[in-house]
Amino acid sequence: MLKGVDPLLGPELLAILRAMGHGDEIAVVDANYPAETHGKRVVRMDGHTASAILEAVLSLLPLDGGDAAFRPCPLGIAIAWNPSSLTSKR
């Protein structure tokens, strides 16, 4: 049993996070995103909010910094996101 690891992070996602290095990217998307079409590897986490998943990932894997995180906006223009504004609603 791993202590201090968010239970949302299952073995498949933990293996992916472990293998990631500087410059690698991960997308946390909602159910409407065509992940099976666009993703090389897809880990489904049905029933959990994107913010809860993101908080769990960030608890183990820090951002590279700068403009590393983006969020969608109405016009489709990527906007830098401040992870310190994240609040968990599990």
Protein backbone atom coordinates (compact mmCIF):
# COMPACT_ATOMS: atom_id res chain seq x y z
CA MET A 1 0.00 0.00 0.00
CA LEU A 2 1.32 3.42 -0.94
CA LYS A 3 0.83 6.06 1.71
CA GLY A 4 0.03 9.64 0.78
CA VAL A 5 -1.14 8.80 -2.74
CA ASP A 6 -4.61 10.03 -3.65
CA PRO A 7 -6.90 6.98 -4.12
CA LEU A 8 -8.14 8.45 -7.43
CA LEU A 9 -4.76 7.61 -8.93
CA GLY A 10 -5.01 3.98 -9.96
CA PRO A 11 -2.13 1.75 -11.05
CA GLU A 12 -2.44 2.52 -14.77
CA LEU A 13 -2.35 6.29 -14.26
CA LEU A 14 0.45 6.02 -11.68
CA ALA A 15 2.56 4.08 -14.20
CA ILE A 16 1.97 6.76 -16.83
CA LEU A 17 2.86 9.56 -14.40
CA ARG A 18 6.00 7.70 -13.31
CA ALA A 19 7.18 7.44 -16.91
CA MET A 20 6.63 11.14 -17.65
CA GLY A 21 9.55 13.53 -17.90
CA HIS A 22 10.15 17.21 -18.56
CA GLY A 23 8.13 18.44 -21.51
CA ASP A 24 5.71 15.50 -21.54
CA GLU A 25 2.03 16.37 -21.61
CA ILE A 26 -1.09 14.94 -20.04
CA ALA A 27 -4.65 16.03 -20.78
CA VAL A 28 -7.42 15.92 -18.19
CA VAL A 29 -10.63 16.22 -20.19
CA ASP A 30 -14.35 15.74 -19.67
CA ALA A 31 -16.54 13.00 -21.12
CA ASN A 32 -17.34 15.05 -24.25
CA TYR A 33 -13.72 15.07 -25.49
CA PRO A 34 -13.03 12.46 -28.21
CA ALA A 35 -10.14 10.92 -26.25
CA GLU A 36 -10.22 7.56 -28.04
CA THR A 37 -9.63 9.40 -31.32
CA HIS A 38 -6.99 11.90 -30.13
CA GLY A 39 -5.18 10.13 -27.30
CA LYS A 40 -2.31 7.67 -27.63
CA ARG A 41 -3.12 6.29 -24.17
CA VAL A 42 -6.47 6.85 -22.50
CA VAL A 43 -7.22 6.30 -18.83
CA ARG A 44 -10.94 6.62 -18.15
CA MET A 45 -11.93 7.97 -14.76
CA ASP A 46 -15.69 8.02 -15.05
CA GLY A 47 -17.58 9.50 -12.11
CA HIS A 48 -14.83 11.91 -11.01
CA THR A 49 -14.61 15.62 -11.77
CA ALA A 50 -11.76 16.96 -13.84
CA SER A 51 -10.77 19.27 -10.97
CA ALA A 52 -10.53 16.33 -8.52
CA ILE A 53 -8.42 14.33 -11.00
CA LEU A 54 -6.19 17.32 -11.69
CA GLU A 55 -5.70 17.95 -7.97
CA ALA A 56 -4.72 14.28 -7.48
CA VAL A 57 -2.23 14.39 -10.37
CA LEU A 58 -0.71 17.67 -9.19
CA SER A 59 -0.24 16.21 -5.70
CA LEU A 60 2.41 13.91 -7.18
CA LEU A 61 3.59 15.56 -10.38
CA PRO A 62 4.37 19.29 -10.26
CA LEU A 63 4.01 21.49 -13.31
CA ASP A 64 7.14 22.45 -15.22
CA GLY A 65 6.25 26.09 -14.58
CA GLY A 66 5.47 29.06 -16.77
CA ASP A 67 2.47 28.48 -19.02
CA ALA A 68 2.32 24.72 -18.38
CA ALA A 69 -1.40 24.53 -17.61
CA PHE A 70 -4.25 25.73 -19.78
CA ARG A 71 -7.99 25.73 -19.51
CA PRO A 72 -10.65 26.04 -22.20
CA CYS A 73 -12.35 29.33 -22.87
CA PRO A 74 -15.48 30.24 -24.88
CA LEU A 75 -13.56 31.20 -28.03
CA GLY A 76 -11.16 28.25 -27.93
CA ILE A 77 -8.14 30.39 -27.11
CA ALA A 78 -5.89 28.70 -24.55
CA ILE A 79 -5.64 30.71 -21.34
CA ALA A 80 -2.94 30.09 -18.73
CA TRP A 81 -4.39 28.64 -15.53
CA ASN A 82 -3.27 29.16 -11.95
CA PRO A 83 -3.25 25.77 -10.16
CA SER A 84 -3.27 27.47 -6.76
CA SER A 85 -6.90 28.43 -7.45
CA LEU A 86 -7.91 24.73 -7.56
CA THR A 87 -10.47 23.63 -5.01
CA SER A 88 -11.49 20.03 -4.50
CA LYS A 89 -15.20 19.16 -4.75
CA ARG A 90 -15.16 15.38 -4.38
